[in-house]
Amino acid sequence: MIVIDALIALLVVLAVYAGLSVRMVQQTQLGVVFRFGRVLDRVRGPGLARIVPVADRMRRVNVQIVTMPIPAQEGITRDNVTVRVDAVVYFQVVDPVKAIINVQDYGFAMSQVAQTSLRSIIGKSELDDLLANREPINQGLELMLDSPALGWGIQIDRVEIKDVALPESMKRSMARQAEADRERRARIITADGEFQASARLSEAAKVMSATPAALQLRLLQTVVEVAAEKNSTLVLPFPVELLRFLESSTQRATAQAVEAAEVAEAIRPDGAADGRDEDRGVEQLELPQVAPTVEHPDPAAPLRVAPPHAA
């Protein structure tokens, strides 16, 4: 009876010892064993891991890729624009011993380093790069995170910028800029179309000038098109040759009028001078009117009147 009790007690002790000396490690984990406070070099893999009861203590470290969002950070870009940028970091523990020994909480440490690196990369970048050319910024942010992460036994898988929040005033300015750019391109396209159309019309005019009947046929075609669209519209074709005749007649009459005016201007000063000379000659030929004088040499003598030219 005593032997049976001893065997039962031994079995119980062995069961308790086995329960205290065996630990299970998941497939996504690695085990780091501390013996009397000192870490062992050998890392326990997935499955059952045996340790020394009381003397050993094991910590499990997750080796899956961790997705850690970076809170939105506000900063001023190199071109003096205030923005709020948030990102996400993908990292994985590759050395569980360093992740436990070299840093107290590697998850919190990675979060703080990611926030400071993101603020730093914002100050070194321009707004256009943050909006349209993010790949170099992501690579630069990944390099900034790699430096401390290597000492912690962490490998950075990738870093991505998720969103860039702009002030409302900057959004309106960018909208106006985009609208002005679209309007500029629309005007350029319209001007290019008009230039090509004018070139085609010039070639068509040259062909029609060689054959005047083609212009009349084009006029009749236009009349047919107008009559087909609006039957109530009355079209009166006006000969183009008549317009040309009227234009040439007007130009010829205008040239003759200008020539006559120039001739009149050239003749007028000489005639005015001759008229003044004739008036001056007539004034010289006129004689003053002299009243007849009466001489009284002697009261007894008869009266004599002097002729006007004697005076």
C-alpha atoms as a PDB file:
ATOM      1  CA  MET A   1       0.000   0.000   0.000  1.00  0.00           C
ATOM      2  CA  ILE A   2       2.819   2.326   0.861  1.00  0.00           C
ATOM      3  CA  VAL A   3       4.523   1.530  -2.428  1.00  0.00           C
ATOM      4  CA  ILE A   4       1.406   2.343  -4.392  1.00  0.00           C
ATOM      5  CA  ASP A   5       1.040   5.656  -2.598  1.00  0.00           C
ATOM      6  CA  ALA A   6       4.645   6.489  -3.330  1.00  0.00           C
ATOM      7  CA  LEU A   7       4.211   5.691  -6.975  1.00  0.00           C
ATOM      8  CA  ILE A   8       1.126   7.856  -7.154  1.00  0.00           C
ATOM      9  CA  ALA A   9       2.948  10.698  -5.440  1.00  0.00           C
ATOM     10  CA  LEU A  10       5.869  10.290  -7.839  1.00  0.00           C
ATOM     11  CA  LEU A  11       3.550  10.408 -10.806  1.00  0.00           C
ATOM     12  CA  VAL A  12       1.903  13.529  -9.480  1.00  0.00           C
ATOM     13  CA  VAL A  13       5.278  15.181  -8.981  1.00  0.00           C
ATOM     14  CA  LEU A  14       6.353  14.210 -12.470  1.00  0.00           C
ATOM     15  CA  ALA A  15       3.125  15.569 -13.921  1.00  0.00           C
ATOM     16  CA  VAL A  16       3.562  18.863 -12.077  1.00  0.00           C
ATOM     17  CA  TYR A  17       7.193  19.054 -13.163  1.00  0.00           C
ATOM     18  CA  ALA A  18       6.236  18.372 -16.764  1.00  0.00           C
ATOM     19  CA  GLY A  19       3.536  20.991 -16.617  1.00  0.00           C
ATOM     20  CA  LEU A  20       5.973  23.559 -15.232  1.00  0.00           C
ATOM     21  CA  SER A  21       8.787  22.688 -17.644  1.00  0.00           C
ATOM     22  CA  VAL A  22       6.824  22.640 -20.886  1.00  0.00           C
ATOM     23  CA  ARG A  23       5.661  25.764 -22.720  1.00  0.00           C
ATOM     24  CA  MET A  24       3.804  25.992 -26.017  1.00  0.00           C
ATOM     25  CA  VAL A  25       4.877  28.516 -28.669  1.00  0.00           C
ATOM     26  CA  GLN A  26       2.499  29.462 -31.470  1.00  0.00           C
ATOM     27  CA  GLN A  27       3.447  29.338 -35.129  1.00  0.00           C
ATOM     28  CA  THR A  28       3.462  33.152 -35.316  1.00  0.00           C
ATOM     29  CA  GLN A  29       5.694  33.534 -32.263  1.00  0.00           C
ATOM     30  CA  LEU A  30       9.229  32.970 -31.047  1.00  0.00           C
ATOM     31  CA  GLY A  31      10.198  32.300 -27.437  1.00  0.00           C
ATOM     32  CA  VAL A  32      12.995  34.038 -25.564  1.00  0.00           C
ATOM     33  CA  VAL A  33      14.091  32.206 -22.380  1.00  0.00           C
ATOM     34  CA  PHE A  34      15.569  33.982 -19.346  1.00  0.00           C
ATOM     35  CA  ARG A  35      17.425  31.762 -16.850  1.00  0.00           C
ATOM     36  CA  PHE A  36      17.929  33.440 -13.522  1.00  0.00           C
ATOM     37  CA  GLY A  37      17.455  36.793 -15.285  1.00  0.00           C
ATOM     38  CA  ARG A  38      19.972  36.161 -18.053  1.00  0.00           C
ATOM     39  CA  VAL A  39      18.757  35.650 -21.605  1.00  0.00           C
ATOM     40  CA  LEU A  40      19.697  32.482 -23.375  1.00  0.00           C
ATOM     41  CA  ASP A  41      21.097  32.633 -26.878  1.00  0.00           C
ATOM     42  CA  ARG A  42      18.871  29.901 -28.213  1.00  0.00           C
ATOM     43  CA  VAL A  43      15.424  31.077 -29.257  1.00  0.00           C
ATOM     44  CA  ARG A  44      12.558  28.657 -28.897  1.00  0.00           C
ATOM     45  CA  GLY A  45      10.658  27.992 -32.108  1.00  0.00           C
ATOM     46  CA  PRO A  46       7.004  27.083 -32.648  1.00  0.00           C
ATOM     47  CA  GLY A  47       5.733  24.005 -30.795  1.00  0.00           C
ATOM     48  CA  LEU A  48       6.481  22.655 -27.302  1.00  0.00           C
ATOM     49  CA  ALA A  49       9.478  24.226 -25.605  1.00  0.00           C
ATOM     50  CA  ARG A  50      11.050  22.718 -22.476  1.00  0.00           C
ATOM     51  CA  ILE A  51      12.365  24.966 -19.755  1.00  0.00           C
ATOM     52  CA  VAL A  52      13.689  24.452 -16.251  1.00  0.00           C
ATOM     53  CA  PRO A  53      10.948  25.127 -13.723  1.00  0.00           C
ATOM     54  CA  VAL A  54      11.537  27.989 -11.320  1.00  0.00           C
ATOM     55  CA  ALA A  55      14.881  28.820 -12.973  1.00  0.00           C
ATOM     56  CA  ASP A  56      13.607  29.727 -16.439  1.00  0.00           C
ATOM     57  CA  ARG A  57      11.074  32.266 -17.621  1.00  0.00           C
ATOM     58  CA  MET A  58       9.985  32.542 -21.263  1.00  0.00           C
ATOM     59  CA  ARG A  59       8.588  35.534 -23.160  1.00  0.00           C
ATOM     60  CA  ARG A  60       6.839  35.132 -26.472  1.00  0.00           C
ATOM     61  CA  VAL A  61       7.401  37.641 -29.275  1.00  0.00           C
ATOM     62  CA  ASN A  62       5.078  37.993 -32.251  1.00  0.00           C
ATOM     63  CA  VAL A  63       6.993  37.825 -35.535  1.00  0.00           C
ATOM     64  CA  GLN A  64       4.096  38.733 -37.822  1.00  0.00           C
ATOM     65  CA  ILE A  65       4.129  41.931 -39.860  1.00  0.00           C
ATOM     66  CA  VAL A  66       2.601  44.668 -37.733  1.00  0.00           C
ATOM     67  CA  THR A  67       0.493  47.416 -39.315  1.00  0.00           C
ATOM     68  CA  MET A  68       0.928  50.566 -37.276  1.00  0.00           C
ATOM     69  CA  PRO A  69      -0.886  53.781 -38.271  1.00  0.00           C
ATOM     70  CA  ILE A  70       0.951  57.030 -37.651  1.00  0.00           C
ATOM     71  CA  PRO A  71      -1.282  59.767 -36.215  1.00  0.00           C
ATOM     72  CA  ALA A  72      -1.747  62.853 -38.364  1.00  0.00           C
ATOM     73  CA  GLN A  73       1.148  65.251 -37.950  1.00  0.00           C
ATOM     74  CA  GLU A  74       0.910  68.966 -38.721  1.00  0.00           C
ATOM     75  CA  GLY A  75       3.893  70.703 -40.224  1.00  0.00           C
ATOM     76  CA  ILE A  76       5.100  73.383 -42.628  1.00  0.00           C
ATOM     77  CA  THR A  77       6.517  72.297 -45.957  1.00  0.00           C
ATOM     78  CA  ARG A  78       9.627  73.716 -47.560  1.00  0.00           C
ATOM     79  CA  ASP A  79       7.479  76.122 -49.620  1.00  0.00           C
ATOM     80  CA  ASN A  80       5.749  77.417 -46.445  1.00  0.00           C
ATOM     81  CA  VAL A  81       2.415  75.599 -46.660  1.00  0.00           C
ATOM     82  CA  THR A  82       0.768  74.206 -43.516  1.00  0.00           C
ATOM     83  CA  VAL A  83      -0.400  70.604 -43.998  1.00  0.00           C
ATOM     84  CA  ARG A  84      -1.534  67.636 -41.926  1.00  0.00           C
ATOM     85  CA  VAL A  85      -0.100  64.294 -43.033  1.00  0.00           C
ATOM     86  CA  ASP A  86      -0.797  60.813 -41.724  1.00  0.00           C
ATOM     87  CA  ALA A  87       0.923  57.590 -42.746  1.00  0.00           C
ATOM     88  CA  VAL A  88       1.155  53.875 -42.001  1.00  0.00           C
ATOM     89  CA  VAL A  89       4.193  51.716 -41.199  1.00  0.00           C
ATOM     90  CA  TYR A  90       4.578  47.984 -41.808  1.00  0.00           C
ATOM     91  CA  PHE A  91       7.330  46.375 -39.710  1.00  0.00           C
ATOM     92  CA  GLN A  92       8.338  42.907 -38.480  1.00  0.00           C
ATOM     93  CA  VAL A  93      10.459  41.602 -35.592  1.00  0.00           C
ATOM     94  CA  VAL A  94      13.365  39.613 -37.001  1.00  0.00           C
ATOM     95  CA  ASP A  95      15.477  39.374 -33.828  1.00  0.00           C
ATOM     96  CA  PRO A  96      13.287  38.823 -30.763  1.00  0.00           C
ATOM     97  CA  VAL A  97      16.250  39.022 -28.363  1.00  0.00           C
ATOM     98  CA  LYS A  98      17.115  42.576 -29.449  1.00  0.00           C
ATOM     99  CA  ALA A  99      13.436  43.537 -29.509  1.00  0.00           C
ATOM    100  CA  ILE A 100      13.136  42.585 -25.825  1.00  0.00           C
ATOM    101  CA  ILE A 101      16.586  43.491 -24.484  1.00  0.00           C
ATOM    102  CA  ASN A 102      17.478  46.699 -26.374  1.00  0.00           C
ATOM    103  CA  VAL A 103      14.146  48.526 -26.030  1.00  0.00           C
ATOM    104  CA  GLN A 104      11.488  48.480 -23.363  1.00  0.00           C
ATOM    105  CA  ASP A 105       8.433  48.545 -25.665  1.00  0.00           C
ATOM    106  CA  TYR A 106       9.375  48.248 -29.297  1.00  0.00           C
ATOM    107  CA  GLY A 107       5.821  49.011 -30.495  1.00  0.00           C
ATOM    108  CA  PHE A 108       5.616  52.332 -28.643  1.00  0.00           C
ATOM    109  CA  ALA A 109       9.177  53.189 -29.628  1.00  0.00           C
ATOM    110  CA  MET A 110       8.428  52.604 -33.292  1.00  0.00           C
ATOM    111  CA  SER A 111       5.329  54.786 -33.033  1.00  0.00           C
ATOM    112  CA  GLN A 112       7.269  57.715 -31.566  1.00  0.00           C
ATOM    113  CA  VAL A 113      10.114  57.421 -34.068  1.00  0.00           C
ATOM    114  CA  ALA A 114       7.618  57.266 -36.941  1.00  0.00           C
ATOM    115  CA  GLN A 115       5.862  60.462 -35.777  1.00  0.00           C
ATOM    116  CA  THR A 116       9.089  62.445 -35.423  1.00  0.00           C
ATOM    117  CA  SER A 117      10.390  61.158 -38.773  1.00  0.00           C
ATOM    118  CA  LEU A 118       7.128  62.101 -40.467  1.00  0.00           C
ATOM    119  CA  ARG A 119       7.309  65.672 -39.130  1.00  0.00           C
ATOM    120  CA  SER A 120      10.916  65.884 -40.285  1.00  0.00           C
ATOM    121  CA  ILE A 121      10.130  64.643 -43.795  1.00  0.00           C
ATOM    122  CA  ILE A 122       7.273  67.160 -44.076  1.00  0.00           C
ATOM    123  CA  GLY A 123       9.665  70.048 -43.460  1.00  0.00           C
ATOM    124  CA  LYS A 124      12.079  68.773 -46.108  1.00  0.00           C
ATOM    125  CA  SER A 125       9.457  68.265 -48.836  1.00  0.00           C
ATOM    126  CA  GLU A 126       7.402  70.582 -51.009  1.00  0.00           C
ATOM    127  CA  LEU A 127       3.644  70.526 -51.371  1.00  0.00           C
ATOM    128  CA  ASP A 128       3.704  69.288 -54.973  1.00  0.00           C
ATOM    129  CA  ASP A 129       5.872  66.322 -53.942  1.00  0.00           C
ATOM    130  CA  LEU A 130       3.497  65.406 -51.115  1.00  0.00           C
ATOM    131  CA  LEU A 131       0.552  65.450 -53.502  1.00  0.00           C
ATOM    132  CA  ALA A 132       1.917  63.952 -56.712  1.00  0.00           C
ATOM    133  CA  ASN A 133       5.375  62.474 -56.089  1.00  0.00           C
ATOM    134  CA  ARG A 134       5.127  60.471 -52.876  1.00  0.00           C
ATOM    135  CA  GLU A 135       7.389  57.545 -53.767  1.00  0.00           C
ATOM    136  CA  PRO A 136      10.681  59.348 -52.991  1.00  0.00           C
ATOM    137  CA  ILE A 137       9.151  60.669 -49.757  1.00  0.00           C
ATOM    138  CA  ASN A 138       8.098  57.163 -48.733  1.00  0.00           C
ATOM    139  CA  GLN A 139      11.594  55.865 -49.411  1.00  0.00           C
ATOM    140  CA  GLY A 140      13.163  58.698 -47.438  1.00  0.00           C
ATOM    141  CA  LEU A 141      10.829  58.055 -44.500  1.00  0.00           C
ATOM    142  CA  GLU A 142      11.668  54.352 -44.616  1.00  0.00           C
ATOM    143  CA  LEU A 143      15.400  55.113 -44.458  1.00  0.00           C
ATOM    144  CA  MET A 144      14.851  57.395 -41.472  1.00  0.00           C
ATOM    145  CA  LEU A 145      13.018  54.592 -39.632  1.00  0.00           C
ATOM    146  CA  ASP A 146      15.566  51.909 -40.547  1.00  0.00           C
ATOM    147  CA  SER A 147      18.392  53.479 -38.538  1.00  0.00           C
ATOM    148  CA  PRO A 148      16.928  52.938 -35.032  1.00  0.00           C
ATOM    149  CA  ALA A 149      14.886  49.883 -36.027  1.00  0.00           C
ATOM    150  CA  LEU A 150      17.941  47.791 -36.930  1.00  0.00           C
ATOM    151  CA  GLY A 151      19.287  48.138 -33.403  1.00  0.00           C
ATOM    152  CA  TRP A 152      15.941  46.944 -32.022  1.00  0.00           C
ATOM    153  CA  GLY A 153      15.819  43.809 -34.160  1.00  0.00           C
ATOM    154  CA  ILE A 154      13.007  45.229 -36.324  1.00  0.00           C
ATOM    155  CA  GLN A 155      12.822  45.261 -40.101  1.00  0.00           C
ATOM    156  CA  ILE A 156      10.771  47.980 -41.841  1.00  0.00           C
ATOM    157  CA  ASP A 157       8.740  46.397 -44.587  1.00  0.00           C
ATOM    158  CA  ARG A 158       7.289  49.558 -46.100  1.00  0.00           C
ATOM    159  CA  VAL A 159       6.044  53.052 -45.252  1.00  0.00           C
ATOM    160  CA  GLU A 160       3.156  54.772 -47.027  1.00  0.00           C
ATOM    161  CA  ILE A 161       1.694  58.273 -46.728  1.00  0.00           C
ATOM    162  CA  LYS A 162      -2.081  57.909 -46.525  1.00  0.00           C
ATOM    163  CA  ASP A 163      -3.551  61.393 -46.680  1.00  0.00           C
ATOM    164  CA  VAL A 164      -2.499  65.033 -46.950  1.00  0.00           C
ATOM    165  CA  ALA A 165      -4.970  67.531 -45.474  1.00  0.00           C
ATOM    166  CA  LEU A 166      -4.754  71.077 -46.838  1.00  0.00           C
ATOM    167  CA  PRO A 167      -6.287  74.316 -45.499  1.00  0.00           C
ATOM    168  CA  GLU A 168      -9.482  75.491 -47.177  1.00  0.00           C
ATOM    169  CA  SER A 169      -7.803  78.614 -48.556  1.00  0.00           C
ATOM    170  CA  MET A 170      -5.139  76.484 -50.218  1.00  0.00           C
ATOM    171  CA  LYS A 171      -7.798  74.206 -51.705  1.00  0.00           C
ATOM    172  CA  ARG A 172      -9.580  77.198 -53.238  1.00  0.00           C
ATOM    173  CA  SER A 173      -6.313  78.562 -54.615  1.00  0.00           C
ATOM    174  CA  MET A 174      -5.458  75.221 -56.196  1.00  0.00           C
ATOM    175  CA  ALA A 175      -8.957  74.975 -57.661  1.00  0.00           C
ATOM    176  CA  ARG A 176      -8.596  78.422 -59.256  1.00  0.00           C
ATOM    177  CA  GLN A 177      -5.173  77.486 -60.603  1.00  0.00           C
ATOM    178  CA  ALA A 178      -6.505  74.268 -62.107  1.00  0.00           C
ATOM    179  CA  GLU A 179      -9.454  76.113 -63.646  1.00  0.00           C
ATOM    180  CA  ALA A 180      -7.156  78.729 -65.173  1.00  0.00           C
ATOM    181  CA  ASP A 181      -4.916  76.001 -66.584  1.00  0.00           C
ATOM    182  CA  ARG A 182      -7.874  74.198 -68.146  1.00  0.00           C
ATOM    183  CA  GLU A 183      -9.139  77.463 -69.641  1.00  0.00           C
ATOM    184  CA  ARG A 184      -5.688  78.163 -71.077  1.00  0.00           C
ATOM    185  CA  ARG A 185      -5.561  74.744 -72.714  1.00  0.00           C
ATOM    186  CA  ALA A 186      -9.087  75.177 -74.083  1.00  0.00           C
ATOM    187  CA  ARG A 187      -8.119  78.512 -75.645  1.00  0.00           C
ATOM    188  CA  ILE A 188      -4.997  76.999 -77.168  1.00  0.00           C
ATOM    189  CA  ILE A 189      -7.014  74.147 -78.663  1.00  0.00           C
ATOM    190  CA  THR A 190      -9.621  76.579 -80.016  1.00  0.00           C
ATOM    191  CA  ALA A 191      -6.949  78.823 -81.542  1.00  0.00           C
ATOM    192  CA  ASP A 192      -5.238  75.812 -83.105  1.00  0.00           C
ATOM    193  CA  GLY A 193      -8.535  74.680 -84.603  1.00  0.00           C
ATOM    194  CA  GLU A 194      -9.211  78.142 -86.018  1.00  0.00           C
ATOM    195  CA  PHE A 195      -5.712  78.256 -87.492  1.00  0.00           C
ATOM    196  CA  GLN A 196      -6.178  74.911 -89.219  1.00  0.00           C
ATOM    197  CA  ALA A 197      -9.638  75.925 -90.445  1.00  0.00           C
ATOM    198  CA  SER A 198      -8.288  79.204 -91.820  1.00  0.00           C
ATOM    199  CA  ALA A 199      -5.574  77.308 -93.683  1.00  0.00           C
ATOM    200  CA  ARG A 200      -8.161  75.018 -95.222  1.00  0.00           C
ATOM    201  CA  LEU A 201     -10.403  77.958 -96.115  1.00  0.00           C
ATOM    202  CA  SER A 202      -7.465  79.721 -97.746  1.00  0.00           C
ATOM    203  CA  GLU A 203      -6.778  76.669 -99.910  1.00  0.00           C
ATOM    204  CA  ALA A 204     -10.471  76.421-100.804  1.00  0.00           C
ATOM    205  CA  ALA A 205     -10.529  80.114-101.758  1.00  0.00           C
ATOM    206  CA  LYS A 206      -7.569  79.612-104.068  1.00  0.00           C
ATOM    207  CA  VAL A 207      -9.322  76.715-105.798  1.00  0.00           C
ATOM    208  CA  MET A 208     -12.586  78.689-106.174  1.00  0.00           C
ATOM    209  CA  SER A 209     -10.761  81.753-107.515  1.00  0.00           C
ATOM    210  CA  ALA A 210      -9.452  79.626-110.377  1.00  0.00           C
ATOM    211  CA  THR A 211     -13.002  78.545-111.278  1.00  0.00           C
ATOM    212  CA  PRO A 212     -15.614  81.272-110.585  1.00  0.00           C
ATOM    213  CA  ALA A 213     -18.452  78.822-111.283  1.00  0.00           C
ATOM    214  CA  ALA A 214     -17.470  76.905-108.153  1.00  0.00           C
ATOM    215  CA  LEU A 215     -18.375  79.926-106.021  1.00  0.00           C
ATOM    216  CA  GLN A 216     -21.829  80.053-107.567  1.00  0.00           C
ATOM    217  CA  LEU A 217     -22.293  76.328-106.960  1.00  0.00           C
ATOM    218  CA  ARG A 218     -21.257  76.800-103.337  1.00  0.00           C
ATOM    219  CA  LEU A 219     -23.770  79.617-103.004  1.00  0.00           C
ATOM    220  CA  LEU A 220     -26.546  77.445-104.419  1.00  0.00           C
ATOM    221  CA  GLN A 221     -25.578  74.647-102.037  1.00  0.00           C
ATOM    222  CA  THR A 222     -25.836  77.019 -99.088  1.00  0.00           C
ATOM    223  CA  VAL A 223     -29.292  78.081-100.294  1.00  0.00           C
ATOM    224  CA  VAL A 224     -30.361  74.440-100.443  1.00  0.00           C
ATOM    225  CA  GLU A 225     -29.079  73.787 -96.897  1.00  0.00           C
ATOM    226  CA  VAL A 226     -30.896  76.819 -95.477  1.00  0.00           C
ATOM    227  CA  ALA A 227     -34.115  75.908 -97.279  1.00  0.00           C
ATOM    228  CA  ALA A 228     -33.923  72.359 -95.928  1.00  0.00           C
ATOM    229  CA  GLU A 229     -33.558  73.514 -92.302  1.00  0.00           C
ATOM    230  CA  LYS A 230     -36.015  76.424 -92.290  1.00  0.00           C
ATOM    231  CA  ASN A 231     -38.554  76.470 -95.086  1.00  0.00           C
ATOM    232  CA  SER A 232     -39.932  79.863 -94.018  1.00  0.00           C
ATOM    233  CA  THR A 233     -36.582  81.568 -94.591  1.00  0.00           C
ATOM    234  CA  LEU A 234     -36.238  83.538 -97.829  1.00  0.00           C
ATOM    235  CA  VAL A 235     -32.738  83.727 -99.272  1.00  0.00           C
ATOM    236  CA  LEU A 236     -31.857  86.279-101.963  1.00  0.00           C
ATOM    237  CA  PRO A 237     -28.477  85.522-103.499  1.00  0.00           C
ATOM    238  CA  PHE A 238     -26.472  88.629-104.148  1.00  0.00           C
ATOM    239  CA  PRO A 239     -23.803  88.416-106.895  1.00  0.00           C
ATOM    240  CA  VAL A 240     -20.333  88.770-105.510  1.00  0.00           C
ATOM    241  CA  GLU A 241     -19.163  90.400-108.775  1.00  0.00           C
ATOM    242  CA  LEU A 242     -21.545  93.285-108.166  1.00  0.00           C
ATOM    243  CA  LEU A 243     -20.081  93.848-104.750  1.00  0.00           C
ATOM    244  CA  ARG A 244     -16.611  93.905-106.228  1.00  0.00           C
ATOM    245  CA  PHE A 245     -17.730  96.374-108.912  1.00  0.00           C
ATOM    246  CA  LEU A 246     -19.273  98.684-106.316  1.00  0.00           C
ATOM    247  CA  GLU A 247     -16.155  98.468-104.208  1.00  0.00           C
ATOM    248  CA  SER A 248     -13.877  99.331-107.147  1.00  0.00           C
ATOM    249  CA  SER A 249     -16.158 102.202-108.203  1.00  0.00           C
ATOM    250  CA  THR A 250     -16.140 103.630-104.691  1.00  0.00           C
ATOM    251  CA  GLN A 251     -12.376 103.451-104.501  1.00  0.00           C
ATOM    252  CA  ARG A 252     -11.999 105.108-107.914  1.00  0.00           C
ATOM    253  CA  ALA A 253     -14.393 107.934-106.988  1.00  0.00           C
ATOM    254  CA  THR A 254     -12.579 108.489-103.722  1.00  0.00           C
ATOM    255  CA  ALA A 255      -9.229 108.678-105.519  1.00  0.00           C
ATOM    256  CA  GLN A 256     -10.571 111.235-108.017  1.00  0.00           C
ATOM    257  CA  ALA A 257     -12.015 113.392-105.239  1.00  0.00           C
ATOM    258  CA  VAL A 258      -8.710 113.368-103.398  1.00  0.00           C
ATOM    259  CA  GLU A 259      -6.825 114.296-106.561  1.00  0.00           C
ATOM    260  CA  ALA A 260      -9.201 117.185-107.310  1.00  0.00           C
ATOM    261  CA  ALA A 261      -8.810 118.492-103.768  1.00  0.00           C
ATOM    262  CA  GLU A 262      -5.017 118.408-104.091  1.00  0.00           C
ATOM    263  CA  VAL A 263      -5.151 120.329-107.394  1.00  0.00           C
ATOM    264  CA  ALA A 264      -7.454 122.948-105.893  1.00  0.00           C
ATOM    265  CA  GLU A 265      -5.145 123.403-102.933  1.00  0.00           C
ATOM    266  CA  ALA A 266      -2.166 123.792-105.263  1.00  0.00           C
ATOM    267  CA  ILE A 267      -3.895 126.481-107.433  1.00  0.00           C
ATOM    268  CA  ARG A 268      -5.619 128.557-104.743  1.00  0.00           C
ATOM    269  CA  PRO A 269      -2.599 130.456-103.279  1.00  0.00           C
ATOM    270  CA  ASP A 270      -1.450 131.866-106.723  1.00  0.00           C
ATOM    271  CA  GLY A 271      -4.928 133.178-107.618  1.00  0.00           C
ATOM    272  CA  ALA A 272      -5.302 134.880-104.277  1.00  0.00           C
ATOM    273  CA  ALA A 273      -1.952 136.686-104.751  1.00  0.00           C
ATOM    274  CA  ASP A 274      -2.919 137.930-108.251  1.00  0.00           C
ATOM    275  CA  GLY A 275      -6.176 139.325-106.945  1.00  0.00           C
ATOM    276  CA  ARG A 276      -4.357 141.293-104.267  1.00  0.00           C
ATOM    277  CA  ASP A 277      -1.949 142.774-106.875  1.00  0.00           C
ATOM    278  CA  GLU A 278      -4.802 143.924-109.118  1.00  0.00           C
ATOM    279  CA  ASP A 279      -6.544 145.606-106.204  1.00  0.00           C
ATOM    280  CA  ARG A 280      -3.315 147.321-105.262  1.00  0.00           C
ATOM    281  CA  GLY A 281      -2.848 148.604-108.896  1.00  0.00           C
ATOM    282  CA  VAL A 282      -6.346 150.057-109.056  1.00  0.00           C
ATOM    283  CA  GLU A 283      -5.741 151.929-105.832  1.00  0.00           C
ATOM    284  CA  GLN A 284      -2.613 153.479-107.294  1.00  0.00           C
ATOM    285  CA  LEU A 285      -4.439 154.693-110.444  1.00  0.00           C
ATOM    286  CA  GLU A 286      -7.248 156.466-108.572  1.00  0.00           C
ATOM    287  CA  LEU A 287      -6.758 160.199-108.059  1.00  0.00           C
ATOM    288  CA  PRO A 288      -8.079 162.119-105.146  1.00  0.00           C
ATOM    289  CA  GLN A 289     -11.073 164.371-105.671  1.00  0.00           C
ATOM    290  CA  VAL A 290     -10.057 168.008-105.328  1.00  0.00           C
ATOM    291  CA  ALA A 291     -12.676 170.733-104.977  1.00  0.00           C
ATOM    292  CA  PRO A 292     -12.455 173.704-107.392  1.00  0.00           C
ATOM    293  CA  THR A 293     -10.650 176.735-105.965  1.00  0.00           C
ATOM    294  CA  VAL A 294     -11.745 180.319-106.526  1.00  0.00           C
ATOM    295  CA  GLU A 295      -9.110 182.997-106.875  1.00  0.00           C
ATOM    296  CA  HIS A 296      -9.817 186.585-105.822  1.00  0.00           C
ATOM    297  CA  PRO A 297      -6.784 188.575-106.947  1.00  0.00           C
ATOM    298  CA  ASP A 298      -8.822 191.585-107.640  1.00  0.00           C
ATOM    299  CA  PRO A 299     -12.332 192.425-106.781  1.00  0.00           C
ATOM    300  CA  ALA A 300     -12.839 194.017-110.093  1.00  0.00           C
ATOM    301  CA  ALA A 301     -11.412 191.131-112.116  1.00  0.00           C
ATOM    302  CA  PRO A 302     -13.741 188.372-113.481  1.00  0.00           C
ATOM    303  CA  LEU A 303     -13.945 184.998-111.682  1.00  0.00           C
ATOM    304  CA  ARG A 304     -11.820 182.000-113.020  1.00  0.00           C
ATOM    305  CA  VAL A 305     -12.093 178.395-111.996  1.00  0.00           C
ATOM    306  CA  ALA A 306      -8.925 176.208-111.961  1.00  0.00           C
ATOM    307  CA  PRO A 307      -9.226 172.776-113.494  1.00  0.00           C
ATOM    308  CA  PRO A 308      -8.825 169.799-111.170  1.00  0.00           C
ATOM    309  CA  HIS A 309      -5.536 168.594-112.670  1.00  0.00           C
ATOM    310  CA  ALA A 310      -3.907 172.000-112.115  1.00  0.00           C
ATOM    311  CA  ALA A 311      -4.065 171.407-108.395  1.00  0.00           C
END
